Amino acid sequence: MADLHTPRSLIVTLYGAYGRTPGNTPLPVAELIRLLNAVGVDAPSVRSSVSRLKRRGLLVPARTASGAAGYALSRDARQLLDDGDRRIYAHPSPPLRDGWVLAVFSVPEAERHKRHLLRSRLSRLGFGTAAPGVWIAPAALYDETRHTLERLELAPYVDLFRGEHLGFAATRESVARWWDLEAIARLHLDFLAQHEPVLRAWESRTGEPDSEAAYRDYLTALDSWRRLPYADPGLPKELLPKDWPGGRAAEVFGLLHARLRDAGAGFVRGGPGGS
């Protein structure tokens, strides 16, 4: 999991955790460098990654109230992060009766590059493959799927349906074909191996938490965790193996979030001692 902490990913995680304000106040470049340095990212890597995020339309250059150069979230980036909140911080296990959303797509051969983009995006959203050109996910993912397809201008190639699985194979057997449950379980176990010891260490501490340490541990935990609810879209419990580690992984992240997010905010606001 540690290899996933790329500068670009950490910047997105930073904005998701601390960079959204009612007025979309830009983060000064100097602050981005300070905050990313605390998690081991050097200044040239920050500048390079910010440039890539700008080219992708996720960050927009803006001046702070004091006139310093900075970057704010684009409208698309804000929607992306808001959609992600519903998974990252809730990660529900919906009842089976809620049903499924199906994505059925057809892309003309002349635009086959969009076929690959569609598959990769549906996969990133947590869809499983029911059949060629037919993807399936828990029905709760409908809104986020619609937002993503519209943002990427892929909606004309896709039809979305809600429904229930009526057989012929048992739904639990089908789910094991639609998703690689063993691979998803390993992701949860990797998260636990890296971050459960961090939680135990914080639970053993007394006194006021060090804001920089809280920020560093929270940002890296969030950067690891925020991918899991996309690999694991929140399948109904009755369709999963009895020893499924996803519940414990979600619990560990929830406890780290409750303990560290606000404590780390002091470092974000103005240095190791907070402000």
C-alpha atoms as a PDB file:
ATOM      1  CA  MET A   1       0.000   0.000   0.000  1.00  0.00           C
ATOM      2  CA  ALA A   2       2.890   2.394   0.704  1.00  0.00           C
ATOM      3  CA  ASP A   3       3.789   2.437  -2.993  1.00  0.00           C
ATOM      4  CA  LEU A   4       0.422   4.040  -3.715  1.00  0.00           C
ATOM      5  CA  HIS A   5       1.361   7.287  -1.960  1.00  0.00           C
ATOM      6  CA  THR A   6       2.355   9.155  -5.110  1.00  0.00           C
ATOM      7  CA  PRO A   7       2.706  12.949  -4.973  1.00  0.00           C
ATOM      8  CA  ARG A   8      -0.316  13.421  -7.250  1.00  0.00           C
ATOM      9  CA  SER A   9      -2.476  11.109  -5.145  1.00  0.00           C
ATOM     10  CA  LEU A  10      -1.425  12.801  -1.904  1.00  0.00           C
ATOM     11  CA  ILE A  11      -2.302  16.228  -3.321  1.00  0.00           C
ATOM     12  CA  VAL A  12      -5.803  15.026  -4.244  1.00  0.00           C
ATOM     13  CA  THR A  13      -6.138  13.475  -0.783  1.00  0.00           C
ATOM     14  CA  LEU A  14      -4.999  16.719   0.856  1.00  0.00           C
ATOM     15  CA  TYR A  15      -7.614  18.757  -1.011  1.00  0.00           C
ATOM     16  CA  GLY A  16     -10.267  16.183  -0.179  1.00  0.00           C
ATOM     17  CA  ALA A  17      -9.423  16.231   3.528  1.00  0.00           C
ATOM     18  CA  TYR A  18      -8.627  19.901   4.140  1.00  0.00           C
ATOM     19  CA  GLY A  19      -8.876  21.890   0.915  1.00  0.00           C
ATOM     20  CA  ARG A  20     -12.636  22.322   0.474  1.00  0.00           C
ATOM     21  CA  THR A  21     -14.067  25.565   1.822  1.00  0.00           C
ATOM     22  CA  PRO A  22     -17.424  27.294   1.200  1.00  0.00           C
ATOM     23  CA  GLY A  23     -15.702  29.922  -0.949  1.00  0.00           C
ATOM     24  CA  ASN A  24     -13.290  27.453  -2.583  1.00  0.00           C
ATOM     25  CA  THR A  25     -10.340  29.339  -1.103  1.00  0.00           C
ATOM     26  CA  PRO A  26      -7.137  28.453  -2.979  1.00  0.00           C
ATOM     27  CA  LEU A  27      -4.256  26.762  -1.204  1.00  0.00           C
ATOM     28  CA  PRO A  28      -1.063  28.797  -1.658  1.00  0.00           C
ATOM     29  CA  VAL A  29       1.711  26.988  -3.493  1.00  0.00           C
ATOM     30  CA  ALA A  30       4.024  27.541  -0.524  1.00  0.00           C
ATOM     31  CA  GLU A  31       1.499  25.815   1.750  1.00  0.00           C
ATOM     32  CA  LEU A  32       1.131  22.901  -0.638  1.00  0.00           C
ATOM     33  CA  ILE A  33       4.894  22.456  -0.540  1.00  0.00           C
ATOM     34  CA  ARG A  34       4.972  22.625   3.284  1.00  0.00           C
ATOM     35  CA  LEU A  35       2.091  20.209   3.724  1.00  0.00           C
ATOM     36  CA  LEU A  36       3.393  17.684   1.203  1.00  0.00           C
ATOM     37  CA  ASN A  37       6.915  17.910   2.603  1.00  0.00           C
ATOM     38  CA  ALA A  38       5.507  16.617   5.898  1.00  0.00           C
ATOM     39  CA  VAL A  39       4.616  13.341   4.161  1.00  0.00           C
ATOM     40  CA  GLY A  40       7.916  13.038   2.300  1.00  0.00           C
ATOM     41  CA  VAL A  41       7.228  14.824  -1.007  1.00  0.00           C
ATOM     42  CA  ASP A  42       9.831  17.333  -2.203  1.00  0.00           C
ATOM     43  CA  ALA A  43       9.014  20.699  -3.761  1.00  0.00           C
ATOM     44  CA  PRO A  44       9.834  19.794  -7.406  1.00  0.00           C
ATOM     45  CA  SER A  45       7.510  16.777  -7.182  1.00  0.00           C
ATOM     46  CA  VAL A  46       4.741  18.966  -5.779  1.00  0.00           C
ATOM     47  CA  ARG A  47       5.085  21.500  -8.581  1.00  0.00           C
ATOM     48  CA  SER A  48       5.201  18.805 -11.258  1.00  0.00           C
ATOM     49  CA  SER A  49       2.149  16.996  -9.877  1.00  0.00           C
ATOM     50  CA  VAL A  50       0.160  20.219  -9.509  1.00  0.00           C
ATOM     51  CA  SER A  51       0.893  20.986 -13.164  1.00  0.00           C
ATOM     52  CA  ARG A  52      -0.475  17.582 -14.190  1.00  0.00           C
ATOM     53  CA  LEU A  53      -3.603  18.072 -12.104  1.00  0.00           C
ATOM     54  CA  LYS A  54      -4.040  21.492 -13.683  1.00  0.00           C
ATOM     55  CA  ARG A  55      -3.799  19.982 -17.185  1.00  0.00           C
ATOM     56  CA  ARG A  56      -6.409  17.391 -16.225  1.00  0.00           C
ATOM     57  CA  GLY A  57      -8.770  20.195 -15.218  1.00  0.00           C
ATOM     58  CA  LEU A  58      -8.859  19.301 -11.515  1.00  0.00           C
ATOM     59  CA  LEU A  59      -6.966  22.313 -10.159  1.00  0.00           C
ATOM     60  CA  VAL A  60      -7.254  25.906 -11.338  1.00  0.00           C
ATOM     61  CA  PRO A  61      -4.721  28.679 -10.619  1.00  0.00           C
ATOM     62  CA  ALA A  62      -5.990  31.416  -8.308  1.00  0.00           C
ATOM     63  CA  ARG A  63      -4.662  34.138  -6.041  1.00  0.00           C
ATOM     64  CA  THR A  64      -5.178  34.078  -2.306  1.00  0.00           C
ATOM     65  CA  ALA A  65      -6.593  37.076  -0.432  1.00  0.00           C
ATOM     66  CA  SER A  66      -3.018  38.212   0.228  1.00  0.00           C
ATOM     67  CA  GLY A  67      -2.117  37.917  -3.457  1.00  0.00           C
ATOM     68  CA  ALA A  68      -0.046  34.745  -3.191  1.00  0.00           C
ATOM     69  CA  ALA A  69      -0.122  32.229  -6.042  1.00  0.00           C
ATOM     70  CA  GLY A  70      -2.237  29.192  -5.307  1.00  0.00           C
ATOM     71  CA  TYR A  71      -4.597  26.562  -6.651  1.00  0.00           C
ATOM     72  CA  ALA A  72      -8.285  25.949  -6.057  1.00  0.00           C
ATOM     73  CA  LEU A  73     -10.458  22.984  -6.973  1.00  0.00           C
ATOM     74  CA  SER A  74     -12.255  23.041 -10.293  1.00  0.00           C
ATOM     75  CA  ARG A  75     -15.984  22.430 -10.389  1.00  0.00           C
ATOM     76  CA  ASP A  76     -15.408  18.900 -11.709  1.00  0.00           C
ATOM     77  CA  ALA A  77     -12.887  18.169  -8.973  1.00  0.00           C
ATOM     78  CA  ARG A  78     -15.312  19.376  -6.314  1.00  0.00           C
ATOM     79  CA  GLN A  79     -18.029  17.082  -7.696  1.00  0.00           C
ATOM     80  CA  LEU A  80     -15.555  14.199  -7.799  1.00  0.00           C
ATOM     81  CA  LEU A  81     -14.587  14.695  -4.159  1.00  0.00           C
ATOM     82  CA  ASP A  82     -18.171  15.204  -3.007  1.00  0.00           C
ATOM     83  CA  ASP A  83     -19.200  11.961  -4.723  1.00  0.00           C
ATOM     84  CA  GLY A  84     -16.254  10.209  -3.121  1.00  0.00           C
ATOM     85  CA  ASP A  85     -17.266  11.301   0.378  1.00  0.00           C
ATOM     86  CA  ARG A  86     -20.329   9.082   0.272  1.00  0.00           C
ATOM     87  CA  ARG A  87     -18.108   6.066  -0.153  1.00  0.00           C
ATOM     88  CA  ILE A  88     -14.951   6.988   1.701  1.00  0.00           C
ATOM     89  CA  TYR A  89     -16.581   8.094   4.943  1.00  0.00           C
ATOM     90  CA  ALA A  90     -19.699   5.935   4.934  1.00  0.00           C
ATOM     91  CA  HIS A  91     -18.791   2.847   2.868  1.00  0.00           C
ATOM     92  CA  PRO A  92     -22.216   1.283   3.411  1.00  0.00           C
ATOM     93  CA  SER A  93     -23.092  -2.370   3.072  1.00  0.00           C
ATOM     94  CA  PRO A  94     -26.503  -2.029   1.411  1.00  0.00           C
ATOM     95  CA  PRO A  95     -29.287  -4.555   1.896  1.00  0.00           C
ATOM     96  CA  LEU A  96     -29.695  -7.000  -0.956  1.00  0.00           C
ATOM     97  CA  ARG A  97     -33.227  -5.712  -1.573  1.00  0.00           C
ATOM     98  CA  ASP A  98     -31.788  -2.390  -2.817  1.00  0.00           C
ATOM     99  CA  GLY A  99     -30.853  -4.156  -6.037  1.00  0.00           C
ATOM    100  CA  TRP A 100     -28.325  -3.284  -8.673  1.00  0.00           C
ATOM    101  CA  VAL A 101     -27.449  -0.751 -11.337  1.00  0.00           C
ATOM    102  CA  LEU A 102     -26.507  -2.109 -14.757  1.00  0.00           C
ATOM    103  CA  ALA A 103     -24.365  -0.244 -17.272  1.00  0.00           C
ATOM    104  CA  VAL A 104     -24.744  -1.502 -20.832  1.00  0.00           C
ATOM    105  CA  PHE A 105     -22.573   0.192 -23.414  1.00  0.00           C
ATOM    106  CA  SER A 106     -21.903   0.087 -27.121  1.00  0.00           C
ATOM    107  CA  VAL A 107     -19.111   2.101 -28.718  1.00  0.00           C
ATOM    108  CA  PRO A 108     -18.647   2.415 -32.511  1.00  0.00           C
ATOM    109  CA  GLU A 109     -15.459   0.844 -33.853  1.00  0.00           C
ATOM    110  CA  ALA A 110     -14.277   4.263 -35.048  1.00  0.00           C
ATOM    111  CA  GLU A 111     -14.244   5.416 -31.406  1.00  0.00           C
ATOM    112  CA  ARG A 112     -12.894   2.246 -29.822  1.00  0.00           C
ATOM    113  CA  HIS A 113     -10.503   4.262 -27.627  1.00  0.00           C
ATOM    114  CA  LYS A 114     -13.602   5.337 -25.704  1.00  0.00           C
ATOM    115  CA  ARG A 115     -14.449   1.674 -25.146  1.00  0.00           C
ATOM    116  CA  HIS A 116     -11.256   1.263 -23.139  1.00  0.00           C
ATOM    117  CA  LEU A 117     -11.951   4.490 -21.235  1.00  0.00           C
ATOM    118  CA  LEU A 118     -15.459   3.296 -20.395  1.00  0.00           C
ATOM    119  CA  ARG A 119     -14.217  -0.045 -19.121  1.00  0.00           C
ATOM    120  CA  SER A 120     -11.496   1.517 -17.005  1.00  0.00           C
ATOM    121  CA  ARG A 121     -13.843   4.107 -15.499  1.00  0.00           C
ATOM    122  CA  LEU A 122     -16.555   1.592 -14.678  1.00  0.00           C
ATOM    123  CA  SER A 123     -13.913  -0.623 -13.104  1.00  0.00           C
ATOM    124  CA  ARG A 124     -12.608   2.301 -11.032  1.00  0.00           C
ATOM    125  CA  LEU A 125     -16.145   3.034  -9.880  1.00  0.00           C
ATOM    126  CA  GLY A 126     -16.339  -0.516  -8.531  1.00  0.00           C
ATOM    127  CA  PHE A 127     -18.435  -2.183 -11.209  1.00  0.00           C
ATOM    128  CA  GLY A 128     -18.085  -5.910 -11.797  1.00  0.00           C
ATOM    129  CA  THR A 129     -18.342  -7.546 -15.193  1.00  0.00           C
ATOM    130  CA  ALA A 130     -21.544  -9.546 -15.677  1.00  0.00           C
ATOM    131  CA  ALA A 131     -20.973 -10.138 -19.414  1.00  0.00           C
ATOM    132  CA  PRO A 132     -19.130  -8.431 -22.297  1.00  0.00           C
ATOM    133  CA  GLY A 133     -20.441  -4.873 -22.405  1.00  0.00           C
ATOM    134  CA  VAL A 134     -22.613  -5.424 -19.309  1.00  0.00           C
ATOM    135  CA  TRP A 135     -21.337  -4.093 -15.980  1.00  0.00           C
ATOM    136  CA  ILE A 136     -23.023  -4.306 -12.582  1.00  0.00           C
ATOM    137  CA  ALA A 137     -22.772  -2.548  -9.228  1.00  0.00           C
ATOM    138  CA  PRO A 138     -24.906  -1.929  -6.132  1.00  0.00           C
ATOM    139  CA  ALA A 139     -27.768   0.436  -6.979  1.00  0.00           C
ATOM    140  CA  ALA A 140     -26.441   3.072  -4.568  1.00  0.00           C
ATOM    141  CA  LEU A 141     -23.691   3.886  -7.078  1.00  0.00           C
ATOM    142  CA  TYR A 142     -26.124   5.213  -9.682  1.00  0.00           C
ATOM    143  CA  ASP A 143     -25.707   8.947  -8.962  1.00  0.00           C
ATOM    144  CA  GLU A 144     -21.918   8.816  -8.879  1.00  0.00           C
ATOM    145  CA  THR A 145     -21.854   6.733 -12.059  1.00  0.00           C
ATOM    146  CA  ARG A 146     -24.088   9.215 -13.852  1.00  0.00           C
ATOM    147  CA  HIS A 147     -21.943  12.165 -12.716  1.00  0.00           C
ATOM    148  CA  THR A 148     -18.743  10.423 -13.859  1.00  0.00           C
ATOM    149  CA  LEU A 149     -20.071   9.450 -17.291  1.00  0.00           C
ATOM    150  CA  GLU A 150     -21.429  12.938 -17.873  1.00  0.00           C
ATOM    151  CA  ARG A 151     -18.190  14.593 -16.779  1.00  0.00           C
ATOM    152  CA  LEU A 152     -16.169  12.421 -19.179  1.00  0.00           C
ATOM    153  CA  GLU A 153     -18.726  12.890 -22.002  1.00  0.00           C
ATOM    154  CA  LEU A 154     -19.311   9.131 -22.138  1.00  0.00           C
ATOM    155  CA  ALA A 155     -23.025   9.168 -21.328  1.00  0.00           C
ATOM    156  CA  PRO A 156     -24.164   8.880 -25.000  1.00  0.00           C
ATOM    157  CA  TYR A 157     -22.601   5.416 -25.213  1.00  0.00           C
ATOM    158  CA  VAL A 158     -24.190   3.956 -22.069  1.00  0.00           C
ATOM    159  CA  ASP A 159     -27.623   2.897 -20.882  1.00  0.00           C
ATOM    160  CA  LEU A 160     -28.150   2.578 -17.146  1.00  0.00           C
ATOM    161  CA  PHE A 161     -30.766   0.307 -15.562  1.00  0.00           C
ATOM    162  CA  ARG A 162     -31.885  -0.514 -12.035  1.00  0.00           C
ATOM    163  CA  GLY A 163     -33.023  -4.028 -11.205  1.00  0.00           C
ATOM    164  CA  GLU A 164     -32.716  -7.218  -9.193  1.00  0.00           C
ATOM    165  CA  HIS A 165     -30.928 -10.437  -9.987  1.00  0.00           C
ATOM    166  CA  LEU A 166     -33.410 -13.203 -10.808  1.00  0.00           C
ATOM    167  CA  GLY A 167     -31.049 -16.119 -11.516  1.00  0.00           C
ATOM    168  CA  PHE A 168     -30.355 -18.674 -12.845  1.00  0.00           C
ATOM    169  CA  ALA A 169     -27.290 -19.081 -10.616  1.00  0.00           C
ATOM    170  CA  ALA A 170     -27.557 -18.002  -6.979  1.00  0.00           C
ATOM    171  CA  THR A 171     -26.678 -14.345  -6.523  1.00  0.00           C
ATOM    172  CA  ARG A 172     -23.821 -15.171  -4.143  1.00  0.00           C
ATOM    173  CA  GLU A 173     -22.258 -17.446  -6.767  1.00  0.00           C
ATOM    174  CA  SER A 174     -22.722 -14.798  -9.446  1.00  0.00           C
ATOM    175  CA  VAL A 175     -21.098 -12.080  -7.338  1.00  0.00           C
ATOM    176  CA  ALA A 176     -18.005 -14.276  -6.984  1.00  0.00           C
ATOM    177  CA  ARG A 177     -17.779 -14.261 -10.798  1.00  0.00           C
ATOM    178  CA  TRP A 178     -18.527 -10.579 -11.271  1.00  0.00           C
ATOM    179  CA  TRP A 179     -15.844  -9.428  -8.796  1.00  0.00           C
ATOM    180  CA  ASP A 180     -12.457 -10.838  -7.801  1.00  0.00           C
ATOM    181  CA  LEU A 181     -13.304 -11.132  -4.109  1.00  0.00           C
ATOM    182  CA  GLU A 182      -9.937 -12.634  -3.178  1.00  0.00           C
ATOM    183  CA  ALA A 183      -8.079  -9.670  -4.653  1.00  0.00           C
ATOM    184  CA  ILE A 184     -10.391  -7.210  -2.874  1.00  0.00           C
ATOM    185  CA  ALA A 185      -9.921  -9.034   0.432  1.00  0.00           C
ATOM    186  CA  ARG A 186      -6.134  -8.733   0.038  1.00  0.00           C
ATOM    187  CA  LEU A 187      -6.482  -4.964  -0.341  1.00  0.00           C
ATOM    188  CA  HIS A 188      -8.366  -4.803   2.963  1.00  0.00           C
ATOM    189  CA  LEU A 189      -5.754  -7.003   4.651  1.00  0.00           C
ATOM    190  CA  ASP A 190      -2.926  -4.827   3.297  1.00  0.00           C
ATOM    191  CA  PHE A 191      -4.647  -1.744   4.691  1.00  0.00           C
ATOM    192  CA  LEU A 192      -5.011  -3.407   8.083  1.00  0.00           C
ATOM    193  CA  ALA A 193      -1.372  -4.517   8.101  1.00  0.00           C
ATOM    194  CA  GLN A 194      -0.205  -0.960   7.485  1.00  0.00           C
ATOM    195  CA  HIS A 195      -2.647   1.129   9.494  1.00  0.00           C
ATOM    196  CA  GLU A 196      -3.982  -0.996  12.370  1.00  0.00           C
ATOM    197  CA  PRO A 197      -0.607  -0.680  14.183  1.00  0.00           C
ATOM    198  CA  VAL A 198      -0.840   3.100  13.702  1.00  0.00           C
ATOM    199  CA  LEU A 199      -4.263   3.102  15.347  1.00  0.00           C
ATOM    200  CA  ARG A 200      -2.997   1.012  18.275  1.00  0.00           C
ATOM    201  CA  ALA A 201      -0.091   3.419  18.757  1.00  0.00           C
ATOM    202  CA  TRP A 202      -2.447   6.419  18.884  1.00  0.00           C
ATOM    203  CA  GLU A 203      -4.813   4.621  21.264  1.00  0.00           C
ATOM    204  CA  SER A 204      -1.917   4.104  23.677  1.00  0.00           C
ATOM    205  CA  ARG A 205      -0.970   7.795  23.736  1.00  0.00           C
ATOM    206  CA  THR A 206      -1.983  10.226  26.427  1.00  0.00           C
ATOM    207  CA  GLY A 207      -2.155  14.007  26.418  1.00  0.00           C
ATOM    208  CA  GLU A 208      -2.670  16.380  23.526  1.00  0.00           C
ATOM    209  CA  PRO A 209      -1.790  14.874  20.135  1.00  0.00           C
ATOM    210  CA  ASP A 210       1.062  16.298  18.092  1.00  0.00           C
ATOM    211  CA  SER A 211      -0.692  18.011  15.197  1.00  0.00           C
ATOM    212  CA  GLU A 212       1.981  17.263  12.596  1.00  0.00           C
ATOM    213  CA  ALA A 213       2.094  13.565  13.503  1.00  0.00           C
ATOM    214  CA  ALA A 214      -1.706  13.420  13.461  1.00  0.00           C
ATOM    215  CA  TYR A 215      -1.804  15.108  10.053  1.00  0.00           C
ATOM    216  CA  ARG A 216       0.865  12.811   8.616  1.00  0.00           C
ATOM    217  CA  ASP A 217      -0.763   9.604   9.855  1.00  0.00           C
ATOM    218  CA  TYR A 218      -4.243  10.728   8.850  1.00  0.00           C
ATOM    219  CA  LEU A 219      -3.285  11.848   5.344  1.00  0.00           C
ATOM    220  CA  THR A 220      -1.445   8.603   4.567  1.00  0.00           C
ATOM    221  CA  ALA A 221      -4.280   6.495   6.016  1.00  0.00           C
ATOM    222  CA  LEU A 222      -6.854   8.409   3.972  1.00  0.00           C
ATOM    223  CA  ASP A 223      -4.685   8.133   0.856  1.00  0.00           C
ATOM    224  CA  SER A 224      -4.579   4.353   1.316  1.00  0.00           C
ATOM    225  CA  TRP A 225      -8.230   3.979   2.297  1.00  0.00           C
ATOM    226  CA  ARG A 226      -9.897   6.125  -0.351  1.00  0.00           C
ATOM    227  CA  ARG A 227      -9.129   3.537  -3.051  1.00  0.00           C
ATOM    228  CA  LEU A 228     -10.699   0.622  -1.203  1.00  0.00           C
ATOM    229  CA  PRO A 229     -14.362   1.673  -1.441  1.00  0.00           C
ATOM    230  CA  TYR A 230     -13.885   1.775  -5.219  1.00  0.00           C
ATOM    231  CA  ALA A 231     -12.268  -1.654  -5.491  1.00  0.00           C
ATOM    232  CA  ASP A 232     -14.903  -2.894  -3.021  1.00  0.00           C
ATOM    233  CA  PRO A 233     -18.148  -1.131  -3.967  1.00  0.00           C
ATOM    234  CA  GLY A 234     -19.979  -2.118  -0.781  1.00  0.00           C
ATOM    235  CA  LEU A 235     -21.607  -5.433  -1.565  1.00  0.00           C
ATOM    236  CA  PRO A 236     -24.429  -6.773   0.632  1.00  0.00           C
ATOM    237  CA  LYS A 237     -23.019  -8.698   3.604  1.00  0.00           C
ATOM    238  CA  GLU A 238     -25.007 -11.821   2.831  1.00  0.00           C
ATOM    239  CA  LEU A 239     -23.148 -12.163  -0.479  1.00  0.00           C
ATOM    240  CA  LEU A 240     -19.650 -12.041   1.045  1.00  0.00           C
ATOM    241  CA  PRO A 241     -17.515 -14.704   2.762  1.00  0.00           C
ATOM    242  CA  LYS A 242     -18.041 -14.941   6.520  1.00  0.00           C
ATOM    243  CA  ASP A 243     -14.449 -13.903   7.291  1.00  0.00           C
ATOM    244  CA  TRP A 244     -14.627 -10.829   5.043  1.00  0.00           C
ATOM    245  CA  PRO A 245     -12.019  -8.283   6.300  1.00  0.00           C
ATOM    246  CA  GLY A 246     -13.749  -5.228   4.852  1.00  0.00           C
ATOM    247  CA  GLY A 247     -15.731  -4.504   8.002  1.00  0.00           C
ATOM    248  CA  ARG A 248     -12.636  -4.367  10.203  1.00  0.00           C
ATOM    249  CA  ALA A 249     -10.748  -2.260   7.654  1.00  0.00           C
ATOM    250  CA  ALA A 250     -13.627   0.230   7.565  1.00  0.00           C
ATOM    251  CA  GLU A 251     -13.706   0.281  11.373  1.00  0.00           C
ATOM    252  CA  VAL A 252      -9.972   0.999  11.610  1.00  0.00           C
ATOM    253  CA  PHE A 253     -10.202   3.843   9.108  1.00  0.00           C
ATOM    254  CA  GLY A 254     -13.248   5.253  10.899  1.00  0.00           C
ATOM    255  CA  LEU A 255     -11.388   5.283  14.222  1.00  0.00           C
ATOM    256  CA  LEU A 256      -8.318   6.925  12.664  1.00  0.00           C
ATOM    257  CA  HIS A 257     -10.555   9.522  11.012  1.00  0.00           C
ATOM    258  CA  ALA A 258     -12.306  10.332  14.291  1.00  0.00           C
ATOM    259  CA  ARG A 259      -9.065  10.569  16.240  1.00  0.00           C
ATOM    260  CA  LEU A 260      -6.718  12.288  13.790  1.00  0.00           C
ATOM    261  CA  ARG A 261      -8.540  14.460  11.258  1.00  0.00           C
ATOM    262  CA  ASP A 262      -9.318  17.411  13.501  1.00  0.00           C
ATOM    263  CA  ALA A 263      -6.025  17.053  15.362  1.00  0.00           C
ATOM    264  CA  GLY A 264      -4.172  17.227  12.044  1.00  0.00           C
ATOM    265  CA  ALA A 265      -6.102  20.332  11.025  1.00  0.00           C
ATOM    266  CA  GLY A 266      -3.948  22.369  13.429  1.00  0.00           C
ATOM    267  CA  PHE A 267      -0.870  21.616  11.349  1.00  0.00           C
ATOM    268  CA  VAL A 268      -2.736  22.509   8.149  1.00  0.00           C
ATOM    269  CA  ARG A 269      -3.835  25.860   9.601  1.00  0.00           C
ATOM    270  CA  GLY A 270      -0.406  27.067  10.477  1.00  0.00           C
ATOM    271  CA  GLY A 271       2.502  24.893  11.471  1.00  0.00           C
ATOM    272  CA  PRO A 272       3.358  22.174  13.974  1.00  0.00           C
ATOM    273  CA  GLY A 273       1.662  23.919  16.863  1.00  0.00           C
ATOM    274  CA  GLY A 274      -1.486  24.792  14.952  1.00  0.00           C
ATOM    275  CA  SER A 275      -3.148  28.189  15.106  1.00  0.00           C
END
